[in-house]
């Protein structure tokens, strides 16, 4: 099994979801859209509509992640963030793709005070 998505050069997409005063930054490798991923407890199909948006470089995606408090990110941008010590690898959930690659997934949500 390949260790991670680290050295692949997929294009990265981002999309901002807005509802009321909440914004969620969604980031994903283009090659993962529509794919089935699984780990020991969960299976998921990567939703095209949630992640498909605007193409962006991985470094620009990391810059965006620094500015948002609600993030759903999947794929190689997380490998880069871990490598640069921007993302704590212990906060990442790992999935396996159908072809045996390890895929990182990070979800961060802040809950505003009531």
PDB file of N, CA and C in Angstrom:
ATOM      1  N   UNK A   1       0.840  -1.178   0.000  1.00  0.00           N
ATOM      2  CA  UNK A   1       0.000   0.000   0.000  1.00  0.00           C
ATOM      3  C   UNK A   1       0.886   1.242   0.000  1.00  0.00           C
ATOM      4  N   UNK A   2       0.583   2.177  -0.847  1.00  0.00           N
ATOM      5  CA  UNK A   2       1.340   3.431  -0.908  1.00  0.00           C
ATOM      6  C   UNK A   2       1.079   4.236   0.354  1.00  0.00           C
ATOM      7  N   UNK A   3       2.099   4.903   0.875  1.00  0.00           N
ATOM      8  CA  UNK A   3       1.993   5.596   2.157  1.00  0.00           C
ATOM      9  C   UNK A   3       0.975   6.733   2.161  1.00  0.00           C
ATOM     10  N   UNK A   4       1.015   7.621   1.193  1.00  0.00           N
ATOM     11  CA  UNK A   4       0.055   8.726   1.203  1.00  0.00           C
ATOM     12  C   UNK A   4      -0.002   9.349  -0.176  1.00  0.00           C
ATOM     13  N   UNK A   5      -0.784  10.416  -0.277  1.00  0.00           N
ATOM     14  CA  UNK A   5      -0.936  11.131  -1.536  1.00  0.00           C
ATOM     15  C   UNK A   5       0.174  12.158  -1.732  1.00  0.00           C
ATOM     16  N   UNK A   6       1.187  12.133  -0.890  1.00  0.00           N
ATOM     17  CA  UNK A   6       2.199  13.176  -0.765  1.00  0.00           C
ATOM     18  C   UNK A   6       2.823  13.650  -2.078  1.00  0.00           C
ATOM     19  N   UNK A   7       3.230  12.755  -2.922  1.00  0.00           N
ATOM     20  CA  UNK A   7       3.999  13.176  -4.095  1.00  0.00           C
ATOM     21  C   UNK A   7       3.192  13.226  -5.389  1.00  0.00           C
ATOM     22  N   UNK A   8       1.906  13.091  -5.286  1.00  0.00           N
ATOM     23  CA  UNK A   8       1.097  13.193  -6.486  1.00  0.00           C
ATOM     24  C   UNK A   8       0.861  14.664  -6.807  1.00  0.00           C
ATOM     25  N   UNK A   9       0.644  14.955  -8.065  1.00  0.00           N
ATOM     26  CA  UNK A   9       0.534  16.359  -8.467  1.00  0.00           C
ATOM     27  C   UNK A   9      -0.857  16.696  -8.999  1.00  0.00           C
ATOM     28  N   UNK A  10      -1.894  16.255  -8.296  1.00  0.00           N
ATOM     29  CA  UNK A  10      -3.247  16.578  -8.730  1.00  0.00           C
ATOM     30  C   UNK A  10      -3.509  18.068  -8.654  1.00  0.00           C
ATOM     31  N   UNK A  11      -4.497  18.458  -9.399  1.00  0.00           N
ATOM     32  CA  UNK A  11      -4.971  19.826  -9.263  1.00  0.00           C
ATOM     33  C   UNK A  11      -5.888  19.863  -8.046  1.00  0.00           C
ATOM     34  N   UNK A  12      -5.845  20.976  -7.354  1.00  0.00           N
ATOM     35  CA  UNK A  12      -6.619  21.147  -6.130  1.00  0.00           C
ATOM     36  C   UNK A  12      -7.761  22.125  -6.410  1.00  0.00           C
ATOM     37  N   UNK A  13      -8.922  21.804  -5.879  1.00  0.00           N
ATOM     38  CA  UNK A  13     -10.091  22.657  -6.027  1.00  0.00           C
ATOM     39  C   UNK A  13     -10.498  23.210  -4.669  1.00  0.00           C
ATOM     40  N   UNK A  14     -11.058  24.411  -4.665  1.00  0.00           N
ATOM     41  CA  UNK A  14     -11.635  24.920  -3.429  1.00  0.00           C
ATOM     42  C   UNK A  14     -12.992  25.535  -3.722  1.00  0.00           C
ATOM     43  N   UNK A  15     -13.813  25.535  -2.691  1.00  0.00           N
ATOM     44  CA  UNK A  15     -15.150  26.116  -2.790  1.00  0.00           C
ATOM     45  C   UNK A  15     -15.508  26.651  -1.411  1.00  0.00           C
ATOM     46  N   UNK A  16     -16.161  27.792  -1.375  1.00  0.00           N
ATOM     47  CA  UNK A  16     -16.620  28.385  -0.125  1.00  0.00           C
ATOM     48  C   UNK A  16     -18.133  28.184  -0.048  1.00  0.00           C
ATOM     49  N   UNK A  17     -18.583  27.547   1.032  1.00  0.00           N
ATOM     50  CA  UNK A  17     -20.008  27.367   1.277  1.00  0.00           C
ATOM     51  C   UNK A  17     -20.426  28.402   2.308  1.00  0.00           C
ATOM     52  N   UNK A  18     -21.502  29.131   1.998  1.00  0.00           N
ATOM     53  CA  UNK A  18     -21.976  30.179   2.904  1.00  0.00           C
ATOM     54  C   UNK A  18     -23.432  29.916   3.279  1.00  0.00           C
ATOM     55  N   UNK A  19     -23.711  30.018   4.561  1.00  0.00           N
ATOM     56  CA  UNK A  19     -25.085  29.936   5.054  1.00  0.00           C
ATOM     57  C   UNK A  19     -25.171  30.848   6.265  1.00  0.00           C
ATOM     58  N   UNK A  20     -26.070  31.809   6.171  1.00  0.00           N
ATOM     59  CA  UNK A  20     -26.196  32.830   7.207  1.00  0.00           C
ATOM     60  C   UNK A  20     -24.825  33.475   7.422  1.00  0.00           C
ATOM     61  N   UNK A  21     -24.294  33.414   8.634  1.00  0.00           N
ATOM     62  CA  UNK A  21     -22.993  34.032   8.910  1.00  0.00           C
ATOM     63  C   UNK A  21     -21.848  33.023   8.917  1.00  0.00           C
ATOM     64  N   UNK A  22     -22.133  31.786   8.539  1.00  0.00           N
ATOM     65  CA  UNK A  22     -21.120  30.735   8.575  1.00  0.00           C
ATOM     66  C   UNK A  22     -20.538  30.494   7.191  1.00  0.00           C
ATOM     67  N   UNK A  23     -19.223  30.331   7.141  1.00  0.00           N
ATOM     68  CA  UNK A  23     -18.528  29.979   5.909  1.00  0.00           C
ATOM     69  C   UNK A  23     -17.706  28.719   6.155  1.00  0.00           C
ATOM     70  N   UNK A  24     -17.753  27.797   5.188  1.00  0.00           N
ATOM     71  CA  UNK A  24     -16.954  26.577   5.244  1.00  0.00           C
ATOM     72  C   UNK A  24     -16.079  26.533   4.005  1.00  0.00           C
ATOM     73  N   UNK A  25     -14.790  26.381   4.214  1.00  0.00           N
ATOM     74  CA  UNK A  25     -13.828  26.229   3.133  1.00  0.00           C
ATOM     75  C   UNK A  25     -13.709  24.740   2.819  1.00  0.00           C
ATOM     76  N   UNK A  26     -13.988  24.361   1.586  1.00  0.00           N
ATOM     77  CA  UNK A  26     -13.855  22.978   1.134  1.00  0.00           C
ATOM     78  C   UNK A  26     -12.693  22.910   0.142  1.00  0.00           C
ATOM     79  N   UNK A  27     -11.752  21.981   0.373  1.00  0.00           N
ATOM     80  CA  UNK A  27     -10.584  21.812  -0.492  1.00  0.00           C
ATOM     81  C   UNK A  27     -10.417  20.326  -0.783  1.00  0.00           C
ATOM     82  N   UNK A  28     -10.132  19.994  -2.046  1.00  0.00           N
ATOM     83  CA  UNK A  28      -9.994  18.582  -2.412  1.00  0.00           C
ATOM     84  C   UNK A  28      -9.150  18.440  -3.678  1.00  0.00           C
ATOM     85  N   UNK A  29      -8.397  17.338  -3.766  1.00  0.00           N
ATOM     86  CA  UNK A  29      -7.709  17.017  -5.012  1.00  0.00           C
ATOM     87  C   UNK A  29      -8.751  16.676  -6.068  1.00  0.00           C
ATOM     88  N   UNK A  30      -8.593  17.208  -7.256  1.00  0.00           N
ATOM     89  CA  UNK A  30      -9.539  16.952  -8.336  1.00  0.00           C
ATOM     90  C   UNK A  30      -9.702  15.454  -8.593  1.00  0.00           C
ATOM     91  N   UNK A  31      -8.611  14.704  -8.529  1.00  0.00           N
ATOM     92  CA  UNK A  31      -8.639  13.275  -8.829  1.00  0.00           C
ATOM     93  C   UNK A  31      -9.460  12.463  -7.826  1.00  0.00           C
ATOM     94  N   UNK A  32      -9.770  13.037  -6.664  1.00  0.00           N
ATOM     95  CA  UNK A  32     -10.538  12.315  -5.647  1.00  0.00           C
ATOM     96  C   UNK A  32     -12.047  12.474  -5.802  1.00  0.00           C
ATOM     97  N   UNK A  33     -12.488  13.442  -6.598  1.00  0.00           N
ATOM     98  CA  UNK A  33     -13.923  13.690  -6.752  1.00  0.00           C
ATOM     99  C   UNK A  33     -14.635  12.441  -7.258  1.00  0.00           C
ATOM    100  N   UNK A  34     -15.684  12.057  -6.551  1.00  0.00           N
ATOM    101  CA  UNK A  34     -16.474  10.896  -6.936  1.00  0.00           C
ATOM    102  C   UNK A  34     -15.895   9.549  -6.521  1.00  0.00           C
ATOM    103  N   UNK A  35     -14.713   9.528  -5.937  1.00  0.00           N
ATOM    104  CA  UNK A  35     -14.056   8.274  -5.554  1.00  0.00           C
ATOM    105  C   UNK A  35     -14.625   7.727  -4.242  1.00  0.00           C
ATOM    106  N   UNK A  36     -14.528   6.423  -4.083  1.00  0.00           N
ATOM    107  CA  UNK A  36     -14.903   5.751  -2.833  1.00  0.00           C
ATOM    108  C   UNK A  36     -13.676   5.668  -1.947  1.00  0.00           C
ATOM    109  N   UNK A  37     -13.807   6.096  -0.698  1.00  0.00           N
ATOM    110  CA  UNK A  37     -12.734   6.016   0.288  1.00  0.00           C
ATOM    111  C   UNK A  37     -13.261   5.274   1.508  1.00  0.00           C
ATOM    112  N   UNK A  38     -12.356   4.622   2.233  1.00  0.00           N
ATOM    113  CA  UNK A  38     -12.790   3.916   3.434  1.00  0.00           C
ATOM    114  C   UNK A  38     -11.644   3.834   4.435  1.00  0.00           C
ATOM    115  N   UNK A  39     -12.021   3.622   5.690  1.00  0.00           N
ATOM    116  CA  UNK A  39     -11.062   3.270   6.735  1.00  0.00           C
ATOM    117  C   UNK A  39     -11.725   2.190   7.572  1.00  0.00           C
ATOM    118  N   UNK A  40     -11.199   1.894   8.724  1.00  0.00           N
ATOM    119  CA  UNK A  40     -11.730   0.773   9.510  1.00  0.00           C
ATOM    120  C   UNK A  40     -13.159   0.996  10.002  1.00  0.00           C
ATOM    121  N   UNK A  41     -13.620   2.238  10.045  1.00  0.00           N
ATOM    122  CA  UNK A  41     -14.959   2.510  10.578  1.00  0.00           C
ATOM    123  C   UNK A  41     -15.911   3.209   9.613  1.00  0.00           C
ATOM    124  N   UNK A  42     -15.397   3.770   8.531  1.00  0.00           N
ATOM    125  CA  UNK A  42     -16.222   4.634   7.687  1.00  0.00           C
ATOM    126  C   UNK A  42     -15.949   4.399   6.204  1.00  0.00           C
ATOM    127  N   UNK A  43     -17.012   4.514   5.422  1.00  0.00           N
ATOM    128  CA  UNK A  43     -16.897   4.536   3.959  1.00  0.00           C
ATOM    129  C   UNK A  43     -17.522   5.840   3.489  1.00  0.00           C
ATOM    130  N   UNK A  44     -16.932   6.438   2.476  1.00  0.00           N
ATOM    131  CA  UNK A  44     -17.550   7.640   1.914  1.00  0.00           C
ATOM    132  C   UNK A  44     -17.253   7.735   0.436  1.00  0.00           C
ATOM    133  N   UNK A  45     -18.166   8.368  -0.265  1.00  0.00           N
ATOM    134  CA  UNK A  45     -17.953   8.713  -1.659  1.00  0.00           C
ATOM    135  C   UNK A  45     -17.723  10.216  -1.678  1.00  0.00           C
ATOM    136  N   UNK A  46     -16.603  10.653  -2.237  1.00  0.00           N
ATOM    137  CA  UNK A  46     -16.235  12.070  -2.228  1.00  0.00           C
ATOM    138  C   UNK A  46     -17.243  12.838  -3.083  1.00  0.00           C
ATOM    139  N   UNK A  47     -18.009  13.755  -2.472  1.00  0.00           N
ATOM    140  CA  UNK A  47     -19.079  14.446  -3.186  1.00  0.00           C
ATOM    141  C   UNK A  47     -18.573  15.529  -4.143  1.00  0.00           C
ATOM    142  N   UNK A  48     -18.924  15.378  -5.393  1.00  0.00           N
ATOM    143  CA  UNK A  48     -18.523  16.327  -6.432  1.00  0.00           C
ATOM    144  C   UNK A  48     -19.034  17.731  -6.130  1.00  0.00           C
ATOM    145  N   UNK A  49     -20.298  17.863  -5.792  1.00  0.00           N
ATOM    146  CA  UNK A  49     -20.899  19.180  -5.586  1.00  0.00           C
ATOM    147  C   UNK A  49     -20.341  19.939  -4.394  1.00  0.00           C
ATOM    148  N   UNK A  50     -19.868  19.218  -3.384  1.00  0.00           N
ATOM    149  CA  UNK A  50     -19.353  19.883  -2.196  1.00  0.00           C
ATOM    150  C   UNK A  50     -17.982  20.497  -2.437  1.00  0.00           C
ATOM    151  N   UNK A  51     -17.131  19.802  -3.176  1.00  0.00           N
ATOM    152  CA  UNK A  51     -15.748  20.249  -3.350  1.00  0.00           C
ATOM    153  C   UNK A  51     -15.470  20.954  -4.677  1.00  0.00           C
ATOM    154  N   UNK A  52     -16.226  20.660  -5.718  1.00  0.00           N
ATOM    155  CA  UNK A  52     -15.869  21.201  -7.037  1.00  0.00           C
ATOM    156  C   UNK A  52     -16.128  22.692  -7.099  1.00  0.00           C
ATOM    157  N   UNK A  53     -15.045  23.431  -7.311  1.00  0.00           N
ATOM    158  CA  UNK A  53     -15.134  24.885  -7.373  1.00  0.00           C
ATOM    159  C   UNK A  53     -14.048  25.436  -8.262  1.00  0.00           C
ATOM    160  N   UNK A  54     -13.138  26.196  -7.680  1.00  0.00           N
ATOM    161  CA  UNK A  54     -12.091  26.902  -8.407  1.00  0.00           C
ATOM    162  C   UNK A  54     -10.745  26.205  -8.199  1.00  0.00           C
ATOM    163  N   UNK A  55      -9.965  26.110  -9.272  1.00  0.00           N
ATOM    164  CA  UNK A  55      -8.621  25.528  -9.173  1.00  0.00           C
ATOM    165  C   UNK A  55      -7.697  26.486  -8.434  1.00  0.00           C
ATOM    166  N   UNK A  56      -6.799  25.905  -7.636  1.00  0.00           N
ATOM    167  CA  UNK A  56      -5.886  26.698  -6.829  1.00  0.00           C
ATOM    168  C   UNK A  56      -4.610  25.877  -6.607  1.00  0.00           C
ATOM    169  N   UNK A  57      -3.497  26.542  -6.400  1.00  0.00           N
ATOM    170  CA  UNK A  57      -2.260  25.821  -6.082  1.00  0.00           C
ATOM    171  C   UNK A  57      -2.334  25.317  -4.644  1.00  0.00           C
ATOM    172  N   UNK A  58      -1.543  24.311  -4.322  1.00  0.00           N
ATOM    173  CA  UNK A  58      -1.532  23.778  -2.956  1.00  0.00           C
ATOM    174  C   UNK A  58      -1.059  24.834  -1.956  1.00  0.00           C
ATOM    175  N   UNK A  59      -0.067  25.629  -2.333  1.00  0.00           N
ATOM    176  CA  UNK A  59       0.413  26.653  -1.398  1.00  0.00           C
ATOM    177  C   UNK A  59      -0.651  27.731  -1.178  1.00  0.00           C
ATOM    178  N   UNK A  60      -1.382  28.097  -2.222  1.00  0.00           N
ATOM    179  CA  UNK A  60      -2.480  29.058  -2.049  1.00  0.00           C
ATOM    180  C   UNK A  60      -3.603  28.455  -1.212  1.00  0.00           C
ATOM    181  N   UNK A  61      -3.837  27.145  -1.357  1.00  0.00           N
ATOM    182  CA  UNK A  61      -4.855  26.464  -0.559  1.00  0.00           C
ATOM    183  C   UNK A  61      -4.473  26.500   0.922  1.00  0.00           C
ATOM    184  N   UNK A  62      -3.191  26.297   1.217  1.00  0.00           N
ATOM    185  CA  UNK A  62      -2.740  26.389   2.608  1.00  0.00           C
ATOM    186  C   UNK A  62      -2.933  27.795   3.156  1.00  0.00           C
ATOM    187  N   UNK A  63      -2.649  28.797   2.334  1.00  0.00           N
ATOM    188  CA  UNK A  63      -2.876  30.184   2.759  1.00  0.00           C
ATOM    189  C   UNK A  63      -4.357  30.420   3.079  1.00  0.00           C
ATOM    190  N   UNK A  64      -5.252  29.870   2.252  1.00  0.00           N
ATOM    191  CA  UNK A  64      -6.685  29.996   2.527  1.00  0.00           C
ATOM    192  C   UNK A  64      -7.051  29.319   3.843  1.00  0.00           C
ATOM    193  N   UNK A  65      -6.471  28.153   4.086  1.00  0.00           N
ATOM    194  CA  UNK A  65      -6.775  27.409   5.312  1.00  0.00           C
ATOM    195  C   UNK A  65      -6.391  28.191   6.566  1.00  0.00           C
ATOM    196  N   UNK A  66      -5.381  29.017   6.451  1.00  0.00           N
ATOM    197  CA  UNK A  66      -4.979  29.853   7.595  1.00  0.00           C
ATOM    198  C   UNK A  66      -6.029  30.907   7.923  1.00  0.00           C
ATOM    199  N   UNK A  67      -6.878  31.261   6.946  1.00  0.00           N
ATOM    200  CA  UNK A  67      -7.835  32.352   7.122  1.00  0.00           C
ATOM    201  C   UNK A  67      -9.239  31.894   7.518  1.00  0.00           C
ATOM    202  N   UNK A  68      -9.506  30.599   7.435  1.00  0.00           N
ATOM    203  CA  UNK A  68     -10.854  30.107   7.731  1.00  0.00           C
ATOM    204  C   UNK A  68     -10.863  29.298   9.020  1.00  0.00           C
ATOM    205  N   UNK A  69     -11.976  29.364   9.741  1.00  0.00           N
ATOM    206  CA  UNK A  69     -12.103  28.592  10.977  1.00  0.00           C
ATOM    207  C   UNK A  69     -12.939  27.333  10.773  1.00  0.00           C
ATOM    208  N   UNK A  70     -13.623  27.236   9.642  1.00  0.00           N
ATOM    209  CA  UNK A  70     -14.412  26.050   9.301  1.00  0.00           C
ATOM    210  C   UNK A  70     -13.847  25.488   8.003  1.00  0.00           C
ATOM    211  N   UNK A  71     -13.259  24.295   8.099  1.00  0.00           N
ATOM    212  CA  UNK A  71     -12.525  23.730   6.964  1.00  0.00           C
ATOM    213  C   UNK A  71     -12.875  22.260   6.810  1.00  0.00           C
ATOM    214  N   UNK A  72     -13.052  21.845   5.552  1.00  0.00           N
ATOM    215  CA  UNK A  72     -13.182  20.436   5.217  1.00  0.00           C
ATOM    216  C   UNK A  72     -12.213  20.214   4.056  1.00  0.00           C
ATOM    217  N   UNK A  73     -11.080  19.562   4.334  1.00  0.00           N
ATOM    218  CA  UNK A  73     -10.027  19.396   3.331  1.00  0.00           C
ATOM    219  C   UNK A  73      -9.702  17.920   3.155  1.00  0.00           C
ATOM    220  N   UNK A  74      -9.423  17.539   1.906  1.00  0.00           N
ATOM    221  CA  UNK A  74      -9.188  16.140   1.572  1.00  0.00           C
ATOM    222  C   UNK A  74      -8.092  16.058   0.515  1.00  0.00           C
ATOM    223  N   UNK A  75      -7.019  15.335   0.815  1.00  0.00           N
ATOM    224  CA  UNK A  75      -6.004  15.076  -0.194  1.00  0.00           C
ATOM    225  C   UNK A  75      -4.646  15.683   0.066  1.00  0.00           C
ATOM    226  N   UNK A  76      -3.911  15.862  -1.006  1.00  0.00           N
ATOM    227  CA  UNK A  76      -2.482  16.173  -0.951  1.00  0.00           C
ATOM    228  C   UNK A  76      -2.136  17.522  -0.329  1.00  0.00           C
ATOM    229  N   UNK A  77      -3.063  18.468  -0.301  1.00  0.00           N
ATOM    230  CA  UNK A  77      -2.767  19.745   0.359  1.00  0.00           C
ATOM    231  C   UNK A  77      -2.493  19.510   1.849  1.00  0.00           C
ATOM    232  N   UNK A  78      -3.107  18.490   2.416  1.00  0.00           N
ATOM    233  CA  UNK A  78      -2.866  18.177   3.826  1.00  0.00           C
ATOM    234  C   UNK A  78      -1.474  17.587   4.027  1.00  0.00           C
ATOM    235  N   UNK A  79      -1.019  16.776   3.081  1.00  0.00           N
ATOM    236  CA  UNK A  79       0.351  16.265   3.153  1.00  0.00           C
ATOM    237  C   UNK A  79       1.343  17.421   3.193  1.00  0.00           C
ATOM    238  N   UNK A  80       1.113  18.419   2.335  1.00  0.00           N
ATOM    239  CA  UNK A  80       1.985  19.589   2.302  1.00  0.00           C
ATOM    240  C   UNK A  80       1.911  20.346   3.628  1.00  0.00           C
ATOM    241  N   UNK A  81       0.712  20.500   4.171  1.00  0.00           N
ATOM    242  CA  UNK A  81       0.548  21.191   5.445  1.00  0.00           C
ATOM    243  C   UNK A  81       1.243  20.472   6.588  1.00  0.00           C
ATOM    244  N   UNK A  82       1.183  19.148   6.587  1.00  0.00           N
ATOM    245  CA  UNK A  82       1.878  18.365   7.613  1.00  0.00           C
ATOM    246  C   UNK A  82       3.384  18.528   7.450  1.00  0.00           C
ATOM    247  N   UNK A  83       3.857  18.446   6.221  1.00  0.00           N
ATOM    248  CA  UNK A  83       5.286  18.590   5.931  1.00  0.00           C
ATOM    249  C   UNK A  83       5.825  19.939   6.391  1.00  0.00           C
ATOM    250  N   UNK A  84       5.014  20.992   6.252  1.00  0.00           N
ATOM    251  CA  UNK A  84       5.439  22.345   6.629  1.00  0.00           C
ATOM    252  C   UNK A  84       5.076  22.697   8.083  1.00  0.00           C
ATOM    253  N   UNK A  85       4.606  21.708   8.839  1.00  0.00           N
ATOM    254  CA  UNK A  85       4.226  21.901  10.243  1.00  0.00           C
ATOM    255  C   UNK A  85       3.113  22.924  10.440  1.00  0.00           C
ATOM    256  N   UNK A  86       2.221  23.018   9.479  1.00  0.00           N
ATOM    257  CA  UNK A  86       1.057  23.895   9.580  1.00  0.00           C
ATOM    258  C   UNK A  86      -0.130  23.093  10.123  1.00  0.00           C
ATOM    259  N   UNK A  87      -0.155  21.798   9.797  1.00  0.00           N
ATOM    260  CA  UNK A  87      -1.236  20.909  10.202  1.00  0.00           C
ATOM    261  C   UNK A  87      -0.668  19.830  11.113  1.00  0.00           C
ATOM    262  N   UNK A  88      -1.332  19.604  12.227  1.00  0.00           N
ATOM    263  CA  UNK A  88      -0.940  18.553  13.155  1.00  0.00           C
ATOM    264  C   UNK A  88      -1.404  17.212  12.592  1.00  0.00           C
ATOM    265  N   UNK A  89      -0.474  16.321  12.305  1.00  0.00           N
ATOM    266  CA  UNK A  89      -0.835  15.037  11.687  1.00  0.00           C
ATOM    267  C   UNK A  89      -1.772  14.219  12.569  1.00  0.00           C
ATOM    268  N   UNK A  90      -1.771  14.464  13.884  1.00  0.00           N
ATOM    269  CA  UNK A  90      -2.672  13.737  14.779  1.00  0.00           C
ATOM    270  C   UNK A  90      -4.130  14.177  14.633  1.00  0.00           C
ATOM    271  N   UNK A  91      -4.367  15.308  13.983  1.00  0.00           N
ATOM    272  CA  UNK A  91      -5.729  15.804  13.764  1.00  0.00           C
ATOM    273  C   UNK A  91      -6.333  15.273  12.468  1.00  0.00           C
ATOM    274  N   UNK A  92      -5.545  14.560  11.693  1.00  0.00           N
ATOM    275  CA  UNK A  92      -5.962  14.091  10.369  1.00  0.00           C
ATOM    276  C   UNK A  92      -6.569  12.693  10.471  1.00  0.00           C
ATOM    277  N   UNK A  93      -7.688  12.496   9.772  1.00  0.00           N
ATOM    278  CA  UNK A  93      -8.279  11.174   9.596  1.00  0.00           C
ATOM    279  C   UNK A  93      -7.704  10.586   8.314  1.00  0.00           C
ATOM    280  N   UNK A  94      -7.392   9.307   8.315  1.00  0.00           N
ATOM    281  CA  UNK A  94      -6.812   8.683   7.127  1.00  0.00           C
ATOM    282  C   UNK A  94      -7.791   7.703   6.509  1.00  0.00           C
ATOM    283  N   UNK A  95      -7.931   7.791   5.199  1.00  0.00           N
ATOM    284  CA  UNK A  95      -8.774   6.889   4.428  1.00  0.00           C
ATOM    285  C   UNK A  95      -7.900   6.161   3.414  1.00  0.00           C
ATOM    286  N   UNK A  96      -8.412   5.081   2.899  1.00  0.00           N
ATOM    287  CA  UNK A  96      -7.742   4.345   1.827  1.00  0.00           C
ATOM    288  C   UNK A  96      -8.577   4.467   0.572  1.00  0.00           C
ATOM    289  N   UNK A  97      -7.906   4.719  -0.551  1.00  0.00           N
ATOM    290  CA  UNK A  97      -8.609   4.781  -1.827  1.00  0.00           C
ATOM    291  C   UNK A  97      -8.738   3.361  -2.379  1.00  0.00           C
ATOM    292  N   UNK A  98      -9.537   3.212  -3.423  1.00  0.00           N
ATOM    293  CA  UNK A  98      -9.730   1.906  -4.045  1.00  0.00           C
ATOM    294  C   UNK A  98      -8.425   1.334  -4.586  1.00  0.00           C
ATOM    295  N   UNK A  99      -7.472   2.212  -4.942  1.00  0.00           N
ATOM    296  CA  UNK A  99      -6.188   1.740  -5.483  1.00  0.00           C
ATOM    297  C   UNK A  99      -5.103   1.635  -4.407  1.00  0.00           C
ATOM    298  N   UNK A 100      -5.500   1.709  -3.127  1.00  0.00           N
ATOM    299  CA  UNK A 100      -4.568   1.448  -2.036  1.00  0.00           C
ATOM    300  C   UNK A 100      -3.774   2.641  -1.532  1.00  0.00           C
ATOM    301  N   UNK A 101      -4.073   3.833  -1.989  1.00  0.00           N
ATOM    302  CA  UNK A 101      -3.347   5.016  -1.501  1.00  0.00           C
ATOM    303  C   UNK A 101      -3.988   5.504  -0.199  1.00  0.00           C
ATOM    304  N   UNK A 102      -3.155   6.032   0.693  1.00  0.00           N
ATOM    305  CA  UNK A 102      -3.663   6.650   1.932  1.00  0.00           C
ATOM    306  C   UNK A 102      -4.021   8.102   1.640  1.00  0.00           C
ATOM    307  N   UNK A 103      -5.216   8.496   2.008  1.00  0.00           N
ATOM    308  CA  UNK A 103      -5.732   9.833   1.718  1.00  0.00           C
ATOM    309  C   UNK A 103      -6.059  10.541   3.035  1.00  0.00           C
ATOM    310  N   UNK A 104      -5.431  11.701   3.279  1.00  0.00           N
ATOM    311  CA  UNK A 104      -5.731  12.454   4.499  1.00  0.00           C
ATOM    312  C   UNK A 104      -7.005  13.289   4.371  1.00  0.00           C
ATOM    313  N   UNK A 105      -7.737  13.399   5.492  1.00  0.00           N
ATOM    314  CA  UNK A 105      -8.970  14.188   5.537  1.00  0.00           C
ATOM    315  C   UNK A 105      -8.979  14.971   6.855  1.00  0.00           C
ATOM    316  N   UNK A 106      -9.254  16.249   6.770  1.00  0.00           N
ATOM    317  CA  UNK A 106      -9.266  17.113   7.947  1.00  0.00           C
ATOM    318  C   UNK A 106     -10.562  17.901   7.984  1.00  0.00           C
ATOM    319  N   UNK A 107     -11.206  17.877   9.137  1.00  0.00           N
ATOM    320  CA  UNK A 107     -12.417  18.680   9.345  1.00  0.00           C
ATOM    321  C   UNK A 107     -12.193  19.530  10.584  1.00  0.00           C
ATOM    322  N   UNK A 108     -12.367  20.836  10.432  1.00  0.00           N
ATOM    323  CA  UNK A 108     -12.246  21.771  11.545  1.00  0.00           C
ATOM    324  C   UNK A 108     -13.486  22.662  11.523  1.00  0.00           C
ATOM    325  N   UNK A 109     -14.200  22.682  12.632  1.00  0.00           N
ATOM    326  CA  UNK A 109     -15.356  23.564  12.757  1.00  0.00           C
ATOM    327  C   UNK A 109     -15.272  24.304  14.075  1.00  0.00           C
ATOM    328  N   UNK A 110     -15.531  25.581  14.033  1.00  0.00           N
ATOM    329  CA  UNK A 110     -15.598  26.349  15.274  1.00  0.00           C
ATOM    330  C   UNK A 110     -17.078  26.640  15.553  1.00  0.00           C
ATOM    331  N   UNK A 111     -17.401  26.615  16.794  1.00  0.00           N
ATOM    332  CA  UNK A 111     -18.768  26.896  17.208  1.00  0.00           C
ATOM    333  C   UNK A 111     -18.787  28.271  17.840  1.00  0.00           C
ATOM    334  N   UNK A 112     -19.533  29.198  17.249  1.00  0.00           N
ATOM    335  CA  UNK A 112     -19.543  30.558  17.808  1.00  0.00           C
ATOM    336  C   UNK A 112     -20.238  30.592  19.160  1.00  0.00           C
ATOM    337  N   UNK A 113     -19.862  31.545  19.997  1.00  0.00           N
ATOM    338  CA  UNK A 113     -20.536  31.667  21.296  1.00  0.00           C
ATOM    339  C   UNK A 113     -22.014  32.008  21.117  1.00  0.00           C
ATOM    340  N   UNK A 114     -22.804  31.558  22.044  1.00  0.00           N
ATOM    341  CA  UNK A 114     -24.256  31.809  21.959  1.00  0.00           C
ATOM    342  C   UNK A 114     -24.580  33.130  22.633  1.00  0.00           C
TER     343      UNK A 114
END
